[in-house]
Amino acid sequence: MKKLVIIVLLLTMILSIVACNGTSSTPSKPPAKSVNLTFTGWRVEDQGAIDTMNGEFTKAFPNITVTYNPVKATEYDSYLQSALASGTAEDIIMMRSFGVGEVVYKGGDILPLTEELIPNLANFPAGYKIGWTAEDGSIFGIPGGMVIAGFHYNKKMFDEAGITKIPETMAELIDACKKIEAKGETAIACGIKDSWVVSELVTSCALMPFIESDAWVRKLINKEIDFTDSKYVDMLRSVKELVEYFPDGYEGIGYEDSQQMFLSEKAAMYMSGSFEVYYFQSTNPDLQLGCFAYPGVDGPSKGVNIGLATGYGINKNTEKMDAALTYVNWLGSAEACEIFANNVVGFYGMNPDATNLTNEVSKEWLALTSTREGIQMLGYEKLAAGTPDYTTAIADSVYQMLVGGKTPEEAADYMQTQMAWYFK
């Protein structure tokens, strides 16, 4: 799987799970007797953070304890399939977004969630819930963790280059790049060696100023438009313009190379996501880190690229349904979302009221969503079900444009040809 998925698997974790009793139309009451819930997911690295969150939950609901039993990310899907089939799965299930999660849901062992059963489900924007909404409209998981993608920037290098304003338009971004390169520095740490980087961090971010809202994505998914649409061509054209400020030899530069280039302060900007914050701050505490959303065309962008990483579902066969409903409803609260975000810096719960963060850079990233619509990066909703999948196709199309000499229009036509399986 692509790295953001892994990073975004690195991202996820906690948060809201919602549930439902299946037989009741009203939220369940906490159990009177002591109950221990079991909870599984693929976020092994988040064990400590989830344990902290669960401890806070038990303070509020003393009769319920929660034990988190994570499974290695690469083994999780097979483990879950086997556990559900044998009736040994945990009470609470970490759910992947979109198609992969829906496949598990269609197996019949995950409880469909409703606002009547889990009132806090109503707190989440529709654009966030879509990641765990099945084709029939039922919800198989409450939104858990997300990341935000855009630009990291080095405040010191900006100051030294005389850049006094964070770029809000593409023209301002290009001007900033020119000022940095005039000092003999690399403007943007980025390469196109890794397909997932091209798909999730470069083109999905670059699409934001042109589509501005999820409405364009809905048209694409519904096959009302395709990849030859003028907005998609404009995105490709802007990538071709921006790549002039990538490092020399960007064709062979991979994710780790770009990451280390920015971390070692050899580049002023870095196209990536909020999930890098903790690593950057712990590895180079002197790095004066800032962030900004991919700029708009004539003004600040109206959309920002997000990755819907994890959601949380309930094992329909649990014998502890009242406790499970209580737990997942709490996970959808602003309190739980803030505990999550403050313990997994750079990842966020999706309750819009969860804004009380302690890390200033993490807070800056979250603020990008306050005035912009969060738009899930392309590639995971239906577009990964055929061959080539979206990520492979867009990486190839961009390579054909930047290295193979195709025009943006020709690259869009090429992309459409590769993805023709979806539009049949």
Protein backbone atom coordinates (compact mmCIF):
# COMPACT_ATOMS: atom_id res chain seq x y z
CA MET A 1 0.00 0.00 0.00
CA LYS A 2 1.07 3.52 -0.49
CA LYS A 3 3.10 5.28 2.15
CA LEU A 4 0.46 7.78 3.22
CA VAL A 5 -1.81 4.91 3.79
CA ILE A 6 0.90 3.46 5.98
CA ILE A 7 1.66 6.85 7.44
CA VAL A 8 -1.94 7.43 7.49
CA LEU A 9 -2.14 4.12 9.11
CA LEU A 10 0.45 5.76 11.24
CA LEU A 11 -1.95 8.31 11.76
CA THR A 12 -5.01 6.91 12.89
CA MET A 13 -6.14 5.51 15.96
CA ILE A 14 -8.64 6.51 18.26
CA LEU A 15 -11.51 8.42 18.32
CA SER A 16 -14.94 8.04 17.78
CA ILE A 17 -16.63 4.89 17.25
CA VAL A 18 -20.25 4.86 17.25
CA ALA A 19 -22.47 2.07 17.68
CA CYS A 20 -25.77 0.81 17.81
CA ASN A 21 -27.77 -1.68 19.65
CA GLY A 22 -29.48 -3.11 16.70
CA THR A 23 -32.71 -3.61 18.63
CA SER A 24 -33.08 -0.26 20.35
CA SER A 25 -33.90 3.11 18.81
CA THR A 26 -32.49 5.12 21.71
CA PRO A 27 -28.93 5.53 23.00
CA SER A 28 -27.91 2.80 25.39
CA LYS A 29 -27.24 3.44 29.08
CA PRO A 30 -23.89 2.56 30.68
CA PRO A 31 -23.93 -0.89 32.28
CA ALA A 32 -24.55 -1.20 36.01
CA LYS A 33 -21.95 -3.96 36.45
CA SER A 34 -18.25 -3.74 35.69
CA VAL A 35 -17.39 -4.52 32.06
CA ASN A 36 -14.12 -4.78 30.15
CA LEU A 37 -14.26 -3.97 26.44
CA THR A 38 -11.64 -5.23 24.02
CA PHE A 39 -10.53 -3.00 21.15
CA THR A 40 -8.35 -3.94 18.18
CA GLY A 41 -6.66 -1.90 15.47
CA TRP A 42 -3.49 -1.67 13.41
CA ARG A 43 -1.95 1.28 15.26
CA VAL A 44 0.63 -0.58 17.33
CA GLU A 45 2.67 2.61 17.71
CA ASP A 46 -0.28 4.35 19.34
CA GLN A 47 -0.61 1.89 22.22
CA GLY A 48 0.42 4.44 24.85
CA ALA A 49 -1.82 7.18 23.49
CA ILE A 50 -4.85 4.92 23.26
CA ASP A 51 -4.22 3.60 26.76
CA THR A 52 -4.17 7.21 27.98
CA MET A 53 -7.43 7.95 26.22
CA ASN A 54 -9.03 4.81 27.60
CA GLY A 55 -7.94 5.77 31.08
CA GLU A 56 -9.73 9.10 30.75
CA PHE A 57 -12.83 7.31 29.53
CA THR A 58 -12.85 5.05 32.59
CA LYS A 59 -12.63 8.09 34.85
CA ALA A 60 -15.92 9.24 33.34
CA PHE A 61 -17.44 5.74 33.29
CA PRO A 62 -15.91 3.80 36.21
CA ASN A 63 -17.80 0.60 35.41
CA ILE A 64 -16.17 0.27 31.97
CA THR A 65 -12.53 -0.45 31.22
CA VAL A 66 -11.10 -0.80 27.70
CA THR A 67 -8.16 -2.99 26.68
CA TYR A 68 -6.48 -2.12 23.39
CA ASN A 69 -5.04 -5.14 21.53
CA PRO A 70 -3.33 -3.83 18.36
CA VAL A 71 -2.12 -6.03 15.53
CA LYS A 72 0.74 -5.17 13.17
CA ALA A 73 -0.58 -3.11 10.24
CA THR A 74 0.63 -5.63 7.64
CA GLU A 75 -1.16 -8.48 9.45
CA TYR A 76 -4.30 -6.66 10.56
CA ASP A 77 -6.62 -7.36 7.63
CA SER A 78 -6.03 -11.11 7.66
CA TYR A 79 -6.27 -11.18 11.46
CA LEU A 80 -9.58 -9.33 11.44
CA GLN A 81 -11.08 -11.54 8.74
CA SER A 82 -10.15 -14.66 10.66
CA ALA A 83 -11.26 -13.31 14.05
CA LEU A 84 -14.66 -12.20 12.78
CA ALA A 85 -15.23 -15.51 11.00
CA SER A 86 -14.36 -17.52 14.11
CA GLY A 87 -16.33 -15.34 16.51
CA THR A 88 -13.23 -14.32 18.48
CA ALA A 89 -12.95 -10.69 17.33
CA GLU A 90 -12.76 -7.83 19.80
CA ASP A 91 -15.78 -5.72 20.78
CA ILE A 92 -14.47 -2.55 19.14
CA ILE A 93 -12.98 -2.70 15.64
CA MET A 94 -10.72 -0.11 14.01
CA MET A 95 -12.12 0.31 10.49
CA ARG A 96 -10.30 1.37 7.34
CA SER A 97 -12.05 3.99 5.23
CA PHE A 98 -13.88 3.54 1.92
CA GLY A 99 -13.74 0.27 0.00
CA VAL A 100 -11.50 -1.79 2.26
CA GLY A 101 -13.62 -0.99 5.30
CA GLU A 102 -16.85 -1.55 3.40
CA VAL A 103 -15.72 -5.05 2.43
CA VAL A 104 -15.40 -5.89 6.13
CA TYR A 105 -18.79 -4.32 6.84
CA LYS A 106 -20.48 -6.32 4.09
CA GLY A 107 -19.32 -9.47 5.83
CA GLY A 108 -22.21 -8.90 8.22
CA ASP A 109 -20.36 -8.71 11.54
CA ILE A 110 -20.08 -4.92 11.92
CA LEU A 111 -22.96 -2.98 13.45
CA PRO A 112 -24.54 -0.22 11.29
CA LEU A 113 -24.41 3.05 13.22
CA THR A 114 -27.10 5.71 13.55
CA GLU A 115 -27.40 9.08 15.24
CA GLU A 116 -30.22 7.70 17.36
CA LEU A 117 -27.89 5.10 18.83
CA ILE A 118 -24.75 7.26 18.85
CA PRO A 119 -25.78 10.91 19.26
CA ASN A 120 -22.21 12.22 18.83
CA LEU A 121 -22.22 10.90 15.26
CA ALA A 122 -24.23 14.01 14.40
CA ASN A 123 -21.21 16.19 15.27
CA PHE A 124 -19.20 15.11 12.25
CA PRO A 125 -19.42 16.86 8.85
CA ALA A 126 -20.79 14.76 6.01
CA GLY A 127 -17.45 15.08 4.20
CA TYR A 128 -15.79 13.21 7.06
CA LYS A 129 -18.45 10.54 7.52
CA ILE A 130 -18.32 9.65 3.83
CA GLY A 131 -15.20 7.55 4.42
CA TRP A 132 -17.25 5.10 6.48
CA THR A 133 -20.52 5.28 4.59
CA ALA A 134 -21.48 2.23 2.54
CA GLU A 135 -23.09 2.39 -0.89
CA ASP A 136 -26.50 1.74 0.67
CA GLY A 137 -26.07 4.80 2.90
CA SER A 138 -25.46 2.93 6.14
CA ILE A 139 -22.53 4.00 8.33
CA PHE A 140 -20.09 1.29 9.40
CA GLY A 141 -17.72 3.40 11.49
CA ILE A 142 -17.53 6.71 13.27
CA PRO A 143 -14.72 8.97 11.98
CA GLY A 144 -11.59 8.40 14.02
CA GLY A 145 -8.34 9.99 12.87
CA MET A 146 -7.38 12.19 9.95
CA VAL A 147 -4.31 13.99 8.64
CA ILE A 148 -4.09 17.27 6.74
CA ALA A 149 -1.80 17.78 3.73
CA GLY A 150 -0.19 20.91 2.34
CA PHE A 151 3.15 22.65 2.86
CA HIS A 152 5.55 22.59 5.78
CA TYR A 153 7.86 25.60 5.67
CA ASN A 154 11.02 26.75 7.43
CA LYS A 155 10.26 30.12 9.05
CA LYS A 156 13.92 31.01 9.38
CA MET A 157 14.61 30.41 5.69
CA PHE A 158 11.54 32.45 4.75
CA ASP A 159 12.76 35.36 6.87
CA GLU A 160 16.25 35.17 5.37
CA ALA A 161 14.77 35.25 1.87
CA GLY A 162 12.66 38.31 2.69
CA ILE A 163 9.34 36.49 2.46
CA THR A 164 7.05 38.36 4.84
CA LYS A 165 3.71 36.83 3.85
CA ILE A 166 2.62 33.22 3.76
CA PRO A 167 1.63 32.42 0.14
CA GLU A 168 -2.13 32.48 -0.36
CA THR A 169 -2.15 32.43 -4.16
CA MET A 170 -0.19 30.45 -6.71
CA ALA A 171 1.50 33.65 -7.89
CA GLU A 172 2.67 34.34 -4.33
CA LEU A 173 3.96 30.78 -4.01
CA ILE A 174 5.99 31.07 -7.22
CA ASP A 175 7.34 34.43 -6.06
CA ALA A 176 8.43 32.86 -2.75
CA CYS A 177 10.15 30.04 -4.65
CA LYS A 178 12.07 32.55 -6.77
CA LYS A 179 13.23 34.48 -3.69
CA ILE A 180 14.50 31.33 -2.03
CA GLU A 181 16.31 30.11 -5.13
CA ALA A 182 17.86 33.55 -5.56
CA LYS A 183 19.73 32.81 -2.32
CA GLY A 184 21.03 29.55 -3.74
CA GLU A 185 18.64 27.40 -1.71
CA THR A 186 16.21 24.71 -2.81
CA ALA A 187 12.63 25.98 -2.65
CA ILE A 188 10.58 22.78 -2.37
CA ALA A 189 11.75 19.38 -1.16
CA CYS A 190 9.79 16.99 -3.35
CA GLY A 191 10.29 14.27 -5.92
CA ILE A 192 8.20 11.96 -8.07
CA LYS A 193 9.94 8.62 -7.51
CA ASP A 194 7.20 7.30 -5.23
CA SER A 195 3.75 6.91 -6.75
CA TRP A 196 1.92 7.59 -3.48
CA VAL A 197 3.69 10.93 -3.10
CA VAL A 198 2.59 12.03 -6.57
CA SER A 199 -0.95 10.89 -5.88
CA GLU A 200 -1.56 11.91 -2.27
CA LEU A 201 0.76 14.83 -1.63
CA VAL A 202 1.45 16.49 -4.98
CA THR A 203 -1.55 16.19 -7.29
CA SER A 204 -4.26 15.86 -4.64
CA CYS A 205 -2.99 19.05 -2.98
CA ALA A 206 -2.54 20.84 -6.31
CA LEU A 207 -6.14 20.02 -7.23
CA MET A 208 -7.54 22.02 -4.29
CA PRO A 209 -7.37 25.54 -5.80
CA PHE A 210 -9.19 24.41 -8.93
CA ILE A 211 -12.03 22.28 -7.59
CA GLU A 212 -12.54 24.23 -4.31
CA SER A 213 -15.07 21.77 -2.88
CA ASP A 214 -16.02 18.10 -2.74
CA ALA A 215 -18.79 18.78 -5.28
CA TRP A 216 -16.29 18.26 -8.11
CA VAL A 217 -15.19 14.96 -6.59
CA ARG A 218 -18.82 13.81 -6.40
CA LYS A 219 -19.21 14.54 -10.13
CA LEU A 220 -16.10 12.53 -10.90
CA ILE A 221 -17.12 9.58 -8.74
CA ASN A 222 -20.60 9.67 -10.29
CA LYS A 223 -19.02 9.70 -13.78
CA GLU A 224 -20.59 13.03 -14.73
CA ILE A 225 -17.10 14.27 -15.64
CA ASP A 226 -13.80 12.50 -16.23
CA PHE A 227 -10.07 13.21 -16.06
CA THR A 228 -10.12 15.36 -19.18
CA ASP A 229 -12.14 17.97 -17.28
CA SER A 230 -10.59 21.43 -17.53
CA LYS A 231 -10.03 21.65 -13.76
CA TYR A 232 -7.97 18.47 -13.81
CA VAL A 233 -5.97 19.77 -16.76
CA ASP A 234 -5.37 23.02 -14.85
CA MET A 235 -4.05 20.99 -11.93
CA LEU A 236 -1.59 19.17 -14.17
CA ARG A 237 -0.48 22.47 -15.68
CA SER A 238 0.18 23.94 -12.23
CA VAL A 239 2.24 20.89 -11.24
CA LYS A 240 4.35 21.33 -14.36
CA GLU A 241 4.96 24.95 -13.38
CA LEU A 242 5.74 24.18 -9.74
CA VAL A 243 8.18 21.36 -10.48
CA GLU A 244 10.62 23.98 -11.72
CA TYR A 245 11.33 24.63 -8.03
CA PHE A 246 11.83 21.00 -7.00
CA PRO A 247 15.45 19.79 -6.49
CA ASP A 248 17.59 18.84 -9.45
CA GLY A 249 17.02 15.19 -10.28
CA TYR A 250 13.56 15.22 -8.74
CA GLU A 251 12.61 12.31 -11.03
CA GLY A 252 14.62 9.97 -8.82
CA ILE A 253 13.94 11.57 -5.44
CA GLY A 254 11.79 9.55 -3.06
CA TYR A 255 9.79 10.35 0.05
CA GLU A 256 12.57 9.79 2.61
CA ASP A 257 15.01 11.87 0.53
CA SER A 258 12.63 14.84 0.47
CA GLN A 259 11.82 14.45 4.15
CA GLN A 260 15.47 14.50 5.17
CA MET A 261 16.24 17.41 2.86
CA PHE A 262 13.67 19.54 4.65
CA LEU A 263 14.54 18.22 8.11
CA SER A 264 18.20 19.12 7.61
CA GLU A 265 17.16 22.63 6.46
CA LYS A 266 18.41 22.21 2.90
CA ALA A 267 15.01 23.19 1.48
CA ALA A 268 12.59 25.90 2.58
CA MET A 269 9.33 24.06 1.87
CA TYR A 270 8.17 20.47 1.88
CA MET A 271 4.98 19.04 0.39
CA SER A 272 3.62 16.59 2.93
CA GLY A 273 1.23 16.46 5.85
CA SER A 274 0.56 17.08 9.51
CA PHE A 275 1.63 13.53 10.32
CA GLU A 276 5.26 14.70 10.09
CA VAL A 277 5.03 17.22 12.95
CA TYR A 278 6.03 15.00 15.85
CA TYR A 279 8.94 13.45 13.94
CA PHE A 280 10.28 16.82 12.82
CA GLN A 281 10.03 18.40 16.27
CA SER A 282 11.58 15.44 18.07
CA THR A 283 14.39 14.99 15.53
CA ASN A 284 15.30 18.64 14.98
CA PRO A 285 13.99 20.74 17.89
CA ASP A 286 15.65 23.85 16.42
CA LEU A 287 13.64 23.66 13.20
CA GLN A 288 11.37 26.71 13.03
CA LEU A 289 8.39 24.88 11.63
CA GLY A 290 5.26 26.36 10.06
CA CYS A 291 2.60 25.24 7.63
CA PHE A 292 0.18 26.55 5.01
CA ALA A 293 -2.50 25.13 2.76
CA TYR A 294 -1.91 24.72 -0.95
CA PRO A 295 -2.60 28.26 -2.25
CA GLY A 296 -5.62 29.26 -4.28
CA VAL A 297 -5.69 30.75 -7.76
CA ASP A 298 -6.73 34.33 -7.04
CA GLY A 299 -7.05 34.20 -3.26
CA PRO A 300 -6.83 31.80 -0.31
CA SER A 301 -7.84 28.27 -1.19
CA LYS A 302 -11.36 27.15 -0.32
CA GLY A 303 -10.44 23.49 0.02
CA VAL A 304 -7.71 21.63 1.88
CA ASN A 305 -6.45 18.12 1.23
CA ILE A 306 -7.16 15.61 4.02
CA GLY A 307 -6.62 11.91 4.56
CA LEU A 308 -9.41 10.02 6.31
CA ALA A 309 -7.31 7.48 8.10
CA THR A 310 -9.27 5.51 10.64
CA GLY A 311 -12.75 4.95 11.87
CA TYR A 312 -14.20 2.79 14.60
CA GLY A 313 -16.92 0.19 14.38
CA ILE A 314 -18.62 -2.23 16.74
CA ASN A 315 -18.65 -6.00 16.55
CA LYS A 316 -22.33 -6.77 16.04
CA ASN A 317 -21.95 -9.98 18.02
CA THR A 318 -20.52 -8.41 21.17
CA GLU A 319 -22.21 -9.40 24.41
CA LYS A 320 -21.30 -5.99 25.87
CA MET A 321 -23.36 -3.78 23.57
CA ASP A 322 -24.40 -1.21 26.18
CA ALA A 323 -20.78 -0.59 27.16
CA ALA A 324 -19.67 -0.54 23.50
CA LEU A 325 -22.28 2.07 22.62
CA THR A 326 -21.28 4.19 25.58
CA TYR A 327 -17.61 4.00 24.62
CA VAL A 328 -17.94 4.83 20.96
CA ASN A 329 -20.32 7.69 21.68
CA TRP A 330 -17.73 9.14 24.07
CA LEU A 331 -15.06 8.72 21.39
CA GLY A 332 -17.10 11.07 19.21
CA SER A 333 -17.02 13.82 21.83
CA ALA A 334 -14.82 16.90 21.59
CA GLU A 335 -13.09 15.82 24.80
CA ALA A 336 -12.03 12.45 23.40
CA CYS A 337 -10.97 13.96 20.08
CA GLU A 338 -8.75 16.48 21.88
CA ILE A 339 -7.16 13.77 24.01
CA PHE A 340 -6.42 11.87 20.82
CA ALA A 341 -4.91 14.84 18.97
CA ASN A 342 -2.80 15.91 21.94
CA ASN A 343 -1.32 12.43 22.32
CA VAL A 344 -0.78 11.69 18.63
CA VAL A 345 0.59 15.02 17.46
CA GLY A 346 -0.27 15.76 13.84
CA PHE A 347 -3.34 13.54 13.75
CA TYR A 348 -6.80 14.77 14.51
CA GLY A 349 -10.19 13.63 15.67
CA MET A 350 -12.87 15.05 13.42
CA ASN A 351 -15.32 16.63 15.86
CA PRO A 352 -15.22 20.31 14.78
CA ASP A 353 -15.37 21.43 18.42
CA ALA A 354 -12.12 19.64 19.27
CA THR A 355 -9.84 22.67 19.00
CA ASN A 356 -8.11 22.77 22.39
CA LEU A 357 -4.66 21.56 21.30
CA THR A 358 -1.40 22.02 23.18
CA ASN A 359 1.12 21.77 20.31
CA GLU A 360 1.26 25.09 18.45
CA VAL A 361 2.33 23.64 15.08
CA SER A 362 -0.33 20.93 15.28
CA LYS A 363 -2.81 23.68 16.07
CA GLU A 364 -1.69 25.62 12.95
CA TRP A 365 -2.42 22.60 10.77
CA LEU A 366 -5.85 22.10 12.27
CA ALA A 367 -6.64 25.79 11.76
CA LEU A 368 -6.30 25.25 8.00
CA THR A 369 -9.61 23.38 8.13
CA SER A 370 -11.48 26.15 9.97
CA THR A 371 -11.98 28.26 6.83
CA ARG A 372 -11.63 25.53 4.21
CA GLU A 373 -13.58 22.46 3.25
CA GLY A 374 -11.69 19.26 3.98
CA ILE A 375 -11.55 17.23 0.76
CA GLN A 376 -10.41 13.61 0.88
CA MET A 377 -7.45 12.93 -1.39
CA LEU A 378 -8.39 11.16 -4.60
CA GLY A 379 -7.62 7.51 -5.05
CA TYR A 380 -9.32 5.66 -2.23
CA GLU A 381 -12.99 6.08 -3.00
CA LYS A 382 -13.78 3.53 -5.74
CA LEU A 383 -10.80 4.53 -7.88
CA ALA A 384 -8.57 1.81 -6.42
CA ALA A 385 -10.81 -1.10 -7.40
CA GLY A 386 -9.41 -1.67 -10.91
CA THR A 387 -6.12 -1.92 -12.78
CA PRO A 388 -4.28 0.34 -12.92
CA ASP A 389 -5.50 1.91 -9.71
CA TYR A 390 -5.66 5.69 -9.41
CA THR A 391 -2.32 6.07 -7.65
CA THR A 392 -0.45 4.11 -10.31
CA ALA A 393 -2.24 5.91 -13.13
CA ILE A 394 -1.67 9.47 -11.93
CA ALA A 395 1.98 8.82 -11.11
CA ASP A 396 2.52 7.46 -14.61
CA SER A 397 0.61 10.36 -16.18
CA VAL A 398 2.66 12.96 -14.30
CA TYR A 399 5.87 11.19 -15.28
CA GLN A 400 4.77 11.18 -18.93
CA MET A 401 4.15 14.93 -18.68
CA LEU A 402 7.28 15.94 -16.78
CA VAL A 403 9.79 13.49 -18.25
CA GLY A 404 8.06 12.15 -21.35
CA GLY A 405 7.19 15.55 -22.78
CA LYS A 406 3.41 15.28 -22.88
CA THR A 407 1.41 18.47 -22.55
CA PRO A 408 -1.02 18.79 -19.61
CA GLU A 409 -3.87 18.11 -22.04
CA GLU A 410 -2.14 15.01 -23.38
CA ALA A 411 -1.36 13.83 -19.85
CA ALA A 412 -5.04 14.20 -18.92
CA ASP A 413 -6.05 12.18 -22.00
CA TYR A 414 -3.49 9.55 -21.03
CA MET A 415 -4.86 9.47 -17.49
CA GLN A 416 -8.38 8.99 -18.81
CA THR A 417 -7.25 6.12 -21.02
CA GLN A 418 -5.64 4.37 -18.06
CA MET A 419 -8.72 4.84 -15.89
CA ALA A 420 -11.21 3.90 -18.63
CA TRP A 421 -12.13 0.77 -16.64
CA TYR A 422 -13.90 2.95 -14.09
CA PHE A 423 -16.02 4.83 -16.59
CA LYS A 424 -17.42 1.77 -18.36
